[in-house]
Amino acid sequence: MFLLWMDIGYCSLLMRDGFKRASGKPVHLEASTPRSRDIYAHLGFEVGQYFVPGENVTLTLVILPVNKEHRFGVGSVDEMGVRAKGAAAVGFPAFIMTKWETP
């Protein structure tokens, strides 16, 4: 069923409406696959900066190279975010993306 909605512009339509409500403020999202990363990049989002909680620090700024995938929960969860151990605990992927300028 999902395939019925692909490549007909619904994502662009929804994003344009969201950009209007953002009133020129940056918009942040997480893409969980390379395909969704590419869709959001087409809409003007960039992979790059994200915040990671650190020891004795509320927030730590980490700069990633463009298109760098980050894996959350490595050693604790599998690729779907389900608790796992050993070799299966690869963490789940995420591309933290920002669109800095919105119309």
PDB file of N, CA and C in Angstrom:
ATOM      1  N   MET A   1       0.818  -1.197   0.000  1.00  0.00           N
ATOM      2  CA  MET A   1       0.000   0.000   0.000  1.00  0.00           C
ATOM      3  C   MET A   1       0.859   1.257   0.000  1.00  0.00           C
ATOM      4  N   PHE A   2       1.959   1.243   0.775  1.00  0.00           N
ATOM      5  CA  PHE A   2       2.833   2.412   0.824  1.00  0.00           C
ATOM      6  C   PHE A   2       3.321   2.798  -0.565  1.00  0.00           C
ATOM      7  N   LEU A   3       3.617   1.801  -1.399  1.00  0.00           N
ATOM      8  CA  LEU A   3       4.143   2.074  -2.731  1.00  0.00           C
ATOM      9  C   LEU A   3       3.169   2.865  -3.589  1.00  0.00           C
ATOM     10  N   LEU A   4       1.881   2.791  -3.293  1.00  0.00           N
ATOM     11  CA  LEU A   4       0.899   3.548  -4.061  1.00  0.00           C
ATOM     12  C   LEU A   4       1.103   5.058  -3.927  1.00  0.00           C
ATOM     13  N   TRP A   5       1.706   5.494  -2.837  1.00  0.00           N
ATOM     14  CA  TRP A   5       1.853   6.930  -2.568  1.00  0.00           C
ATOM     15  C   TRP A   5       3.222   7.466  -2.954  1.00  0.00           C
ATOM     16  N   MET A   6       4.110   6.597  -3.423  1.00  0.00           N
ATOM     17  CA  MET A   6       5.469   7.027  -3.741  1.00  0.00           C
ATOM     18  C   MET A   6       5.519   7.765  -5.072  1.00  0.00           C
ATOM     19  N   ASP A   7       6.403   8.759  -5.126  1.00  0.00           N
ATOM     20  CA  ASP A   7       6.735   9.470  -6.364  1.00  0.00           C
ATOM     21  C   ASP A   7       5.568  10.249  -6.979  1.00  0.00           C
ATOM     22  N   ILE A   8       4.613  10.689  -6.156  1.00  0.00           N
ATOM     23  CA  ILE A   8       3.535  11.517  -6.704  1.00  0.00           C
ATOM     24  C   ILE A   8       3.436  12.867  -6.000  1.00  0.00           C
ATOM     25  N   GLY A   9       4.433  13.199  -5.164  1.00  0.00           N
ATOM     26  CA  GLY A   9       4.526  14.550  -4.628  1.00  0.00           C
ATOM     27  C   GLY A   9       3.886  14.808  -3.284  1.00  0.00           C
ATOM     28  N   TYR A  10       3.402  13.789  -2.591  1.00  0.00           N
ATOM     29  CA  TYR A  10       2.765  14.033  -1.292  1.00  0.00           C
ATOM     30  C   TYR A  10       3.752  14.558  -0.255  1.00  0.00           C
ATOM     31  N   CYS A  11       4.969  14.046  -0.251  1.00  0.00           N
ATOM     32  CA  CYS A  11       5.971  14.519   0.710  1.00  0.00           C
ATOM     33  C   CYS A  11       6.247  16.004   0.478  1.00  0.00           C
ATOM     34  N   SER A  12       6.438  16.383  -0.776  1.00  0.00           N
ATOM     35  CA  SER A  12       6.686  17.796  -1.094  1.00  0.00           C
ATOM     36  C   SER A  12       5.519  18.671  -0.674  1.00  0.00           C
ATOM     37  N   LEU A  13       4.313  18.215  -0.931  1.00  0.00           N
ATOM     38  CA  LEU A  13       3.121  18.974  -0.560  1.00  0.00           C
ATOM     39  C   LEU A  13       3.050  19.177   0.951  1.00  0.00           C
ATOM     40  N   LEU A  14       3.259  18.108   1.717  1.00  0.00           N
ATOM     41  CA  LEU A  14       3.208  18.206   3.174  1.00  0.00           C
ATOM     42  C   LEU A  14       4.341  19.086   3.712  1.00  0.00           C
ATOM     43  N   MET A  15       5.520  18.951   3.146  1.00  0.00           N
ATOM     44  CA  MET A  15       6.652  19.759   3.607  1.00  0.00           C
ATOM     45  C   MET A  15       6.441  21.242   3.316  1.00  0.00           C
ATOM     46  N   ARG A  16       5.948  21.571   2.128  1.00  0.00           N
ATOM     47  CA  ARG A  16       5.699  22.981   1.803  1.00  0.00           C
ATOM     48  C   ARG A  16       4.724  23.591   2.795  1.00  0.00           C
ATOM     49  N   ASP A  17       3.694  22.845   3.175  1.00  0.00           N
ATOM     50  CA  ASP A  17       2.735  23.342   4.164  1.00  0.00           C
ATOM     51  C   ASP A  17       3.424  23.528   5.513  1.00  0.00           C
ATOM     52  N   GLY A  18       4.258  22.585   5.897  1.00  0.00           N
ATOM     53  CA  GLY A  18       4.987  22.705   7.158  1.00  0.00           C
ATOM     54  C   GLY A  18       5.953  23.875   7.150  1.00  0.00           C
ATOM     55  N   PHE A  19       6.616  24.113   6.010  1.00  0.00           N
ATOM     56  CA  PHE A  19       7.551  25.233   5.912  1.00  0.00           C
ATOM     57  C   PHE A  19       6.826  26.560   6.114  1.00  0.00           C
ATOM     58  N   LYS A  20       5.613  26.672   5.587  1.00  0.00           N
ATOM     59  CA  LYS A  20       4.833  27.913   5.778  1.00  0.00           C
ATOM     60  C   LYS A  20       4.580  28.157   7.261  1.00  0.00           C
ATOM     61  N   ARG A  21       4.260  27.098   7.988  1.00  0.00           N
ATOM     62  CA  ARG A  21       3.984  27.242   9.421  1.00  0.00           C
ATOM     63  C   ARG A  21       5.241  27.494  10.237  1.00  0.00           C
ATOM     64  N   ALA A  22       6.413  27.172   9.677  1.00  0.00           N
ATOM     65  CA  ALA A  22       7.665  27.396  10.398  1.00  0.00           C
ATOM     66  C   ALA A  22       8.059  28.873  10.417  1.00  0.00           C
ATOM     67  N   SER A  23       7.441  29.680   9.581  1.00  0.00           N
ATOM     68  CA  SER A  23       7.660  31.135   9.553  1.00  0.00           C
ATOM     69  C   SER A  23       9.131  31.519   9.460  1.00  0.00           C
ATOM     70  N   GLY A  24       9.867  30.863   8.583  1.00  0.00           N
ATOM     71  CA  GLY A  24      11.258  31.220   8.363  1.00  0.00           C
ATOM     72  C   GLY A  24      12.249  30.631   9.347  1.00  0.00           C
ATOM     73  N   LYS A  25      11.775  29.878  10.323  1.00  0.00           N
ATOM     74  CA  LYS A  25      12.674  29.270  11.315  1.00  0.00           C
ATOM     75  C   LYS A  25      13.258  27.967  10.756  1.00  0.00           C
ATOM     76  N   PRO A  26      14.432  27.550  11.228  1.00  0.00           N
ATOM     77  CA  PRO A  26      14.990  26.265  10.784  1.00  0.00           C
ATOM     78  C   PRO A  26      14.069  25.108  11.167  1.00  0.00           C
ATOM     79  N   VAL A  27      14.067  24.080  10.340  1.00  0.00           N
ATOM     80  CA  VAL A  27      13.267  22.882  10.569  1.00  0.00           C
ATOM     81  C   VAL A  27      14.234  21.704  10.679  1.00  0.00           C
ATOM     82  N   HIS A  28      14.047  20.864  11.708  1.00  0.00           N
ATOM     83  CA  HIS A  28      14.919  19.711  11.942  1.00  0.00           C
ATOM     84  C   HIS A  28      14.105  18.422  11.830  1.00  0.00           C
ATOM     85  N   LEU A  29      14.746  17.358  11.349  1.00  0.00           N
ATOM     86  CA  LEU A  29      14.098  16.045  11.292  1.00  0.00           C
ATOM     87  C   LEU A  29      15.161  14.965  11.294  1.00  0.00           C
ATOM     88  N   GLU A  30      14.722  13.731  11.479  1.00  0.00           N
ATOM     89  CA  GLU A  30      15.599  12.565  11.400  1.00  0.00           C
ATOM     90  C   GLU A  30      15.130  11.694  10.249  1.00  0.00           C
ATOM     91  N   ALA A  31      16.042  11.380   9.347  1.00  0.00           N
ATOM     92  CA  ALA A  31      15.761  10.422   8.285  1.00  0.00           C
ATOM     93  C   ALA A  31      16.348   9.087   8.736  1.00  0.00           C
ATOM     94  N   SER A  32      15.578   8.022   8.618  1.00  0.00           N
ATOM     95  CA  SER A  32      16.043   6.731   9.139  1.00  0.00           C
ATOM     96  C   SER A  32      16.575   5.795   8.066  1.00  0.00           C
ATOM     97  N   THR A  33      16.559   6.220   6.804  1.00  0.00           N
ATOM     98  CA  THR A  33      17.117   5.405   5.726  1.00  0.00           C
ATOM     99  C   THR A  33      17.832   6.320   4.731  1.00  0.00           C
ATOM    100  N   PRO A  34      18.753   5.777   3.964  1.00  0.00           N
ATOM    101  CA  PRO A  34      19.375   6.593   2.922  1.00  0.00           C
ATOM    102  C   PRO A  34      18.349   7.124   1.917  1.00  0.00           C
ATOM    103  N   ARG A  35      17.315   6.344   1.611  1.00  0.00           N
ATOM    104  CA  ARG A  35      16.287   6.815   0.668  1.00  0.00           C
ATOM    105  C   ARG A  35      15.550   8.024   1.232  1.00  0.00           C
ATOM    106  N   SER A  36      15.140   7.969   2.504  1.00  0.00           N
ATOM    107  CA  SER A  36      14.434   9.123   3.068  1.00  0.00           C
ATOM    108  C   SER A  36      15.382  10.311   3.196  1.00  0.00           C
ATOM    109  N   ARG A  37      16.671  10.052   3.501  1.00  0.00           N
ATOM    110  CA  ARG A  37      17.668  11.127   3.529  1.00  0.00           C
ATOM    111  C   ARG A  37      17.706  11.840   2.181  1.00  0.00           C
ATOM    112  N   ASP A  38      17.705  11.070   1.098  1.00  0.00           N
ATOM    113  CA  ASP A  38      17.772  11.657  -0.238  1.00  0.00           C
ATOM    114  C   ASP A  38      16.515  12.440  -0.584  1.00  0.00           C
ATOM    115  N   ILE A  39      15.361  11.958  -0.135  1.00  0.00           N
ATOM    116  CA  ILE A  39      14.102  12.686  -0.371  1.00  0.00           C
ATOM    117  C   ILE A  39      14.146  14.026   0.338  1.00  0.00           C
ATOM    118  N   TYR A  40      14.555  14.030   1.608  1.00  0.00           N
ATOM    119  CA  TYR A  40      14.619  15.284   2.362  1.00  0.00           C
ATOM    120  C   TYR A  40      15.704  16.212   1.815  1.00  0.00           C
ATOM    121  N   ALA A  41      16.812  15.657   1.339  1.00  0.00           N
ATOM    122  CA  ALA A  41      17.857  16.487   0.734  1.00  0.00           C
ATOM    123  C   ALA A  41      17.319  17.194  -0.502  1.00  0.00           C
ATOM    124  N   HIS A  42      16.487  16.501  -1.272  1.00  0.00           N
ATOM    125  CA  HIS A  42      15.867  17.104  -2.456  1.00  0.00           C
ATOM    126  C   HIS A  42      15.000  18.303  -2.063  1.00  0.00           C
ATOM    127  N   LEU A  43      14.466  18.274  -0.855  1.00  0.00           N
ATOM    128  CA  LEU A  43      13.620  19.365  -0.364  1.00  0.00           C
ATOM    129  C   LEU A  43      14.425  20.457   0.346  1.00  0.00           C
ATOM    130  N   GLY A  44      15.749  20.342   0.336  1.00  0.00           N
ATOM    131  CA  GLY A  44      16.589  21.391   0.891  1.00  0.00           C
ATOM    132  C   GLY A  44      17.172  21.119   2.271  1.00  0.00           C
ATOM    133  N   PHE A  45      16.946  19.939   2.817  1.00  0.00           N
ATOM    134  CA  PHE A  45      17.512  19.600   4.123  1.00  0.00           C
ATOM    135  C   PHE A  45      18.971  19.196   3.968  1.00  0.00           C
ATOM    136  N   GLU A  46      19.772  19.460   4.989  1.00  0.00           N
ATOM    137  CA  GLU A  46      21.187  19.099   4.990  1.00  0.00           C
ATOM    138  C   GLU A  46      21.487  18.209   6.186  1.00  0.00           C
ATOM    139  N   VAL A  47      22.351  17.202   5.981  1.00  0.00           N
ATOM    140  CA  VAL A  47      22.849  16.386   7.080  1.00  0.00           C
ATOM    141  C   VAL A  47      24.036  17.123   7.659  1.00  0.00           C
ATOM    142  N   GLY A  48      24.163  17.149   8.975  1.00  0.00           N
ATOM    143  CA  GLY A  48      25.344  17.806   9.486  1.00  0.00           C
ATOM    144  C   GLY A  48      25.441  17.863  10.985  1.00  0.00           C
ATOM    145  N   GLN A  49      24.731  18.731  11.637  1.00  0.00           N
ATOM    146  CA  GLN A  49      24.912  18.960  13.062  1.00  0.00           C
ATOM    147  C   GLN A  49      23.837  18.248  13.867  1.00  0.00           C
ATOM    148  N   TYR A  50      24.243  17.729  15.002  1.00  0.00           N
ATOM    149  CA  TYR A  50      23.260  17.182  15.929  1.00  0.00           C
ATOM    150  C   TYR A  50      23.821  17.265  17.334  1.00  0.00           C
ATOM    151  N   PHE A  51      22.947  17.096  18.300  1.00  0.00           N
ATOM    152  CA  PHE A  51      23.332  17.185  19.696  1.00  0.00           C
ATOM    153  C   PHE A  51      23.299  15.804  20.329  1.00  0.00           C
ATOM    154  N   VAL A  52      24.316  15.528  21.151  1.00  0.00           N
ATOM    155  CA  VAL A  52      24.407  14.244  21.838  1.00  0.00           C
ATOM    156  C   VAL A  52      24.611  14.504  23.322  1.00  0.00           C
ATOM    157  N   PRO A  53      23.786  13.900  24.179  1.00  0.00           N
ATOM    158  CA  PRO A  53      24.041  14.058  25.612  1.00  0.00           C
ATOM    159  C   PRO A  53      25.409  13.489  25.960  1.00  0.00           C
ATOM    160  N   GLY A  54      26.177  14.206  26.755  1.00  0.00           N
ATOM    161  CA  GLY A  54      27.498  13.739  27.154  1.00  0.00           C
ATOM    162  C   GLY A  54      27.586  13.641  28.659  1.00  0.00           C
ATOM    163  N   GLU A  55      28.625  12.997  29.163  1.00  0.00           N
ATOM    164  CA  GLU A  55      28.811  12.886  30.601  1.00  0.00           C
ATOM    165  C   GLU A  55      29.075  14.268  31.195  1.00  0.00           C
ATOM    166  N   ASN A  56      28.378  14.613  32.234  1.00  0.00           N
ATOM    167  CA  ASN A  56      28.531  15.889  32.928  1.00  0.00           C
ATOM    168  C   ASN A  56      28.289  17.096  32.022  1.00  0.00           C
ATOM    169  N   VAL A  57      27.638  16.874  30.891  1.00  0.00           N
ATOM    170  CA  VAL A  57      27.339  17.950  29.954  1.00  0.00           C
ATOM    171  C   VAL A  57      25.890  17.793  29.530  1.00  0.00           C
ATOM    172  N   THR A  58      25.158  18.885  29.504  1.00  0.00           N
ATOM    173  CA  THR A  58      23.764  18.799  29.090  1.00  0.00           C
ATOM    174  C   THR A  58      23.669  18.468  27.610  1.00  0.00           C
ATOM    175  N   LEU A  59      24.371  19.241  26.774  1.00  0.00           N
ATOM    176  CA  LEU A  59      24.368  18.989  25.331  1.00  0.00           C
ATOM    177  C   LEU A  59      25.776  19.160  24.784  1.00  0.00           C
ATOM    178  N   THR A  60      26.130  18.312  23.844  1.00  0.00           N
ATOM    179  CA  THR A  60      27.418  18.413  23.183  1.00  0.00           C
ATOM    180  C   THR A  60      27.152  18.554  21.693  1.00  0.00           C
ATOM    181  N   LEU A  61      27.752  19.548  21.054  1.00  0.00           N
ATOM    182  CA  LEU A  61      27.576  19.728  19.620  1.00  0.00           C
ATOM    183  C   LEU A  61      28.583  18.865  18.882  1.00  0.00           C
ATOM    184  N   VAL A  62      28.098  18.070  17.949  1.00  0.00           N
ATOM    185  CA  VAL A  62      28.957  17.223  17.139  1.00  0.00           C
ATOM    186  C   VAL A  62      28.712  17.585  15.692  1.00  0.00           C
ATOM    187  N   ILE A  63      29.753  17.822  14.945  1.00  0.00           N
ATOM    188  CA  ILE A  63      29.621  18.130  13.524  1.00  0.00           C
ATOM    189  C   ILE A  63      29.960  16.871  12.745  1.00  0.00           C
ATOM    190  N   LEU A  64      29.041  16.434  11.915  1.00  0.00           N
ATOM    191  CA  LEU A  64      29.263  15.247  11.093  1.00  0.00           C
ATOM    192  C   LEU A  64      29.535  15.658   9.655  1.00  0.00           C
ATOM    193  N   PRO A  65      30.323  14.878   8.928  1.00  0.00           N
ATOM    194  CA  PRO A  65      30.462  15.142   7.499  1.00  0.00           C
ATOM    195  C   PRO A  65      29.102  14.988   6.817  1.00  0.00           C
ATOM    196  N   VAL A  66      28.902  15.676   5.725  1.00  0.00           N
ATOM    197  CA  VAL A  66      27.644  15.588   4.983  1.00  0.00           C
ATOM    198  C   VAL A  66      27.374  14.127   4.624  1.00  0.00           C
ATOM    199  N   ASN A  67      26.121  13.740   4.743  1.00  0.00           N
ATOM    200  CA  ASN A  67      25.625  12.393   4.453  1.00  0.00           C
ATOM    201  C   ASN A  67      26.129  11.328   5.418  1.00  0.00           C
ATOM    202  N   LYS A  68      26.651  11.725   6.549  1.00  0.00           N
ATOM    203  CA  LYS A  68      27.134  10.770   7.556  1.00  0.00           C
ATOM    204  C   LYS A  68      25.957  10.207   8.329  1.00  0.00           C
ATOM    205  N   GLU A  69      25.904   8.905   8.392  1.00  0.00           N
ATOM    206  CA  GLU A  69      24.868   8.223   9.161  1.00  0.00           C
ATOM    207  C   GLU A  69      25.346   8.100  10.600  1.00  0.00           C
ATOM    208  N   HIS A  70      24.453   8.347  11.535  1.00  0.00           N
ATOM    209  CA  HIS A  70      24.747   8.121  12.945  1.00  0.00           C
ATOM    210  C   HIS A  70      23.922   6.920  13.386  1.00  0.00           C
ATOM    211  N   ARG A  71      24.463   6.088  14.262  1.00  0.00           N
ATOM    212  CA  ARG A  71      23.711   4.944  14.787  1.00  0.00           C
ATOM    213  C   ARG A  71      23.498   5.133  16.275  1.00  0.00           C
ATOM    214  N   PHE A  72      22.245   5.190  16.662  1.00  0.00           N
ATOM    215  CA  PHE A  72      21.872   5.316  18.062  1.00  0.00           C
ATOM    216  C   PHE A  72      21.744   3.932  18.670  1.00  0.00           C
ATOM    217  N   GLY A  73      22.149   3.772  19.924  1.00  0.00           N
ATOM    218  CA  GLY A  73      21.943   2.527  20.651  1.00  0.00           C
ATOM    219  C   GLY A  73      22.874   1.402  20.283  1.00  0.00           C
ATOM    220  N   VAL A  74      24.051   1.701  19.695  1.00  0.00           N
ATOM    221  CA  VAL A  74      25.007   0.640  19.357  1.00  0.00           C
ATOM    222  C   VAL A  74      25.375  -0.104  20.640  1.00  0.00           C
ATOM    223  N   GLY A  75      25.303  -1.422  20.578  1.00  0.00           N
ATOM    224  CA  GLY A  75      25.591  -2.254  21.744  1.00  0.00           C
ATOM    225  C   GLY A  75      24.363  -2.555  22.587  1.00  0.00           C
ATOM    226  N   SER A  76      23.224  -1.896  22.270  1.00  0.00           N
ATOM    227  CA  SER A  76      22.004  -2.100  23.059  1.00  0.00           C
ATOM    228  C   SER A  76      20.797  -2.539  22.242  1.00  0.00           C
ATOM    229  N   VAL A  77      20.710  -2.065  20.985  1.00  0.00           N
ATOM    230  CA  VAL A  77      19.533  -2.359  20.165  1.00  0.00           C
ATOM    231  C   VAL A  77      19.952  -2.770  18.758  1.00  0.00           C
ATOM    232  N   ASP A  78      19.005  -3.418  18.050  1.00  0.00           N
ATOM    233  CA  ASP A  78      19.278  -3.822  16.668  1.00  0.00           C
ATOM    234  C   ASP A  78      18.910  -2.685  15.709  1.00  0.00           C
ATOM    235  N   GLU A  79      18.952  -2.975  14.403  1.00  0.00           N
ATOM    236  CA  GLU A  79      18.692  -1.967  13.383  1.00  0.00           C
ATOM    237  C   GLU A  79      17.273  -1.399  13.431  1.00  0.00           C
ATOM    238  N   MET A  80      16.342  -2.122  14.059  1.00  0.00           N
ATOM    239  CA  MET A  80      14.960  -1.651  14.184  1.00  0.00           C
ATOM    240  C   MET A  80      14.710  -0.953  15.530  1.00  0.00           C
ATOM    241  N   GLY A  81      15.728  -0.863  16.379  1.00  0.00           N
ATOM    242  CA  GLY A  81      15.570  -0.220  17.681  1.00  0.00           C
ATOM    243  C   GLY A  81      15.087  -1.144  18.773  1.00  0.00           C
ATOM    244  N   VAL A  82      15.088  -2.460  18.501  1.00  0.00           N
ATOM    245  CA  VAL A  82      14.643  -3.464  19.472  1.00  0.00           C
ATOM    246  C   VAL A  82      15.856  -3.937  20.275  1.00  0.00           C
ATOM    247  N   ARG A  83      15.685  -4.080  21.587  1.00  0.00           N
ATOM    248  CA  ARG A  83      16.780  -4.501  22.466  1.00  0.00           C
ATOM    249  C   ARG A  83      17.458  -5.754  21.903  1.00  0.00           C
ATOM    250  N   ALA A  84      18.801  -5.709  21.848  1.00  0.00           N
ATOM    251  CA  ALA A  84      19.565  -6.828  21.304  1.00  0.00           C
ATOM    252  C   ALA A  84      20.914  -6.913  22.008  1.00  0.00           C
ATOM    253  N   LYS A  85      21.602  -8.039  21.797  1.00  0.00           N
ATOM    254  CA  LYS A  85      22.932  -8.251  22.386  1.00  0.00           C
ATOM    255  C   LYS A  85      23.887  -8.748  21.314  1.00  0.00           C
ATOM    256  N   GLY A  86      25.173  -8.603  21.607  1.00  0.00           N
ATOM    257  CA  GLY A  86      26.204  -9.148  20.731  1.00  0.00           C
ATOM    258  C   GLY A  86      26.223  -8.519  19.359  1.00  0.00           C
ATOM    259  N   ALA A  87      26.483  -9.362  18.350  1.00  0.00           N
ATOM    260  CA  ALA A  87      26.627  -8.890  16.971  1.00  0.00           C
ATOM    261  C   ALA A  87      25.346  -8.256  16.425  1.00  0.00           C
ATOM    262  N   ALA A  88      24.200  -8.613  16.988  1.00  0.00           N
ATOM    263  CA  ALA A  88      22.929  -8.050  16.503  1.00  0.00           C
ATOM    264  C   ALA A  88      22.692  -6.623  16.996  1.00  0.00           C
ATOM    265  N   ALA A  89      23.442  -6.190  18.003  1.00  0.00           N
ATOM    266  CA  ALA A  89      23.223  -4.863  18.607  1.00  0.00           C
ATOM    267  C   ALA A  89      23.987  -3.786  17.841  1.00  0.00           C
ATOM    268  N   VAL A  90      23.591  -3.587  16.584  1.00  0.00           N
ATOM    269  CA  VAL A  90      24.285  -2.641  15.700  1.00  0.00           C
ATOM    270  C   VAL A  90      23.757  -1.211  15.826  1.00  0.00           C
ATOM    271  N   GLY A  91      22.676  -1.018  16.576  1.00  0.00           N
ATOM    272  CA  GLY A  91      22.071   0.306  16.684  1.00  0.00           C
ATOM    273  C   GLY A  91      21.186   0.601  15.488  1.00  0.00           C
ATOM    274  N   PHE A  92      20.349   1.634  15.612  1.00  0.00           N
ATOM    275  CA  PHE A  92      19.492   1.978  14.481  1.00  0.00           C
ATOM    276  C   PHE A  92      20.024   3.251  13.821  1.00  0.00           C
ATOM    277  N   PRO A  93      19.903   3.321  12.476  1.00  0.00           N
ATOM    278  CA  PRO A  93      20.478   4.435  11.738  1.00  0.00           C
ATOM    279  C   PRO A  93      19.606   5.684  11.801  1.00  0.00           C
ATOM    280  N   ALA A  94      20.266   6.821  11.727  1.00  0.00           N
ATOM    281  CA  ALA A  94      19.543   8.087  11.624  1.00  0.00           C
ATOM    282  C   ALA A  94      20.453   9.126  10.984  1.00  0.00           C
ATOM    283  N   PHE A  95      19.867   9.918  10.125  1.00  0.00           N
ATOM    284  CA  PHE A  95      20.541  11.071   9.541  1.00  0.00           C
ATOM    285  C   PHE A  95      19.831  12.288  10.120  1.00  0.00           C
ATOM    286  N   ILE A  96      20.515  13.066  10.934  1.00  0.00           N
ATOM    287  CA  ILE A  96      19.923  14.253  11.537  1.00  0.00           C
ATOM    288  C   ILE A  96      20.043  15.368  10.517  1.00  0.00           C
ATOM    289  N   MET A  97      18.904  15.941  10.117  1.00  0.00           N
ATOM    290  CA  MET A  97      18.885  16.898   9.009  1.00  0.00           C
ATOM    291  C   MET A  97      18.247  18.215   9.412  1.00  0.00           C
ATOM    292  N   THR A  98      18.697  19.285   8.779  1.00  0.00           N
ATOM    293  CA  THR A  98      18.175  20.622   9.052  1.00  0.00           C
ATOM    294  C   THR A  98      17.946  21.354   7.740  1.00  0.00           C
ATOM    295  N   LYS A  99      16.843  22.031   7.662  1.00  0.00           N
ATOM    296  CA  LYS A  99      16.602  22.997   6.578  1.00  0.00           C
ATOM    297  C   LYS A  99      16.693  24.364   7.238  1.00  0.00           C
ATOM    298  N   TRP A 100      17.774  25.092   6.942  1.00  0.00           N
ATOM    299  CA  TRP A 100      18.073  26.331   7.652  1.00  0.00           C
ATOM    300  C   TRP A 100      17.177  27.481   7.265  1.00  0.00           C
ATOM    301  N   GLU A 101      16.778  27.544   5.995  1.00  0.00           N
ATOM    302  CA  GLU A 101      15.925  28.648   5.548  1.00  0.00           C
ATOM    303  C   GLU A 101      14.619  28.073   5.025  1.00  0.00           C
ATOM    304  N   THR A 102      13.534  28.589   5.519  1.00  0.00           N
ATOM    305  CA  THR A 102      12.222  28.176   5.023  1.00  0.00           C
ATOM    306  C   THR A 102      11.494  29.408   4.496  1.00  0.00           C
ATOM    307  N   PRO A 103      10.675  29.219   3.469  1.00  0.00           N
ATOM    308  CA  PRO A 103       9.967  30.369   2.879  1.00  0.00           C
ATOM    309  C   PRO A 103       8.989  31.024   3.835  1.00  0.00           C
TER     310      PRO A 103
END
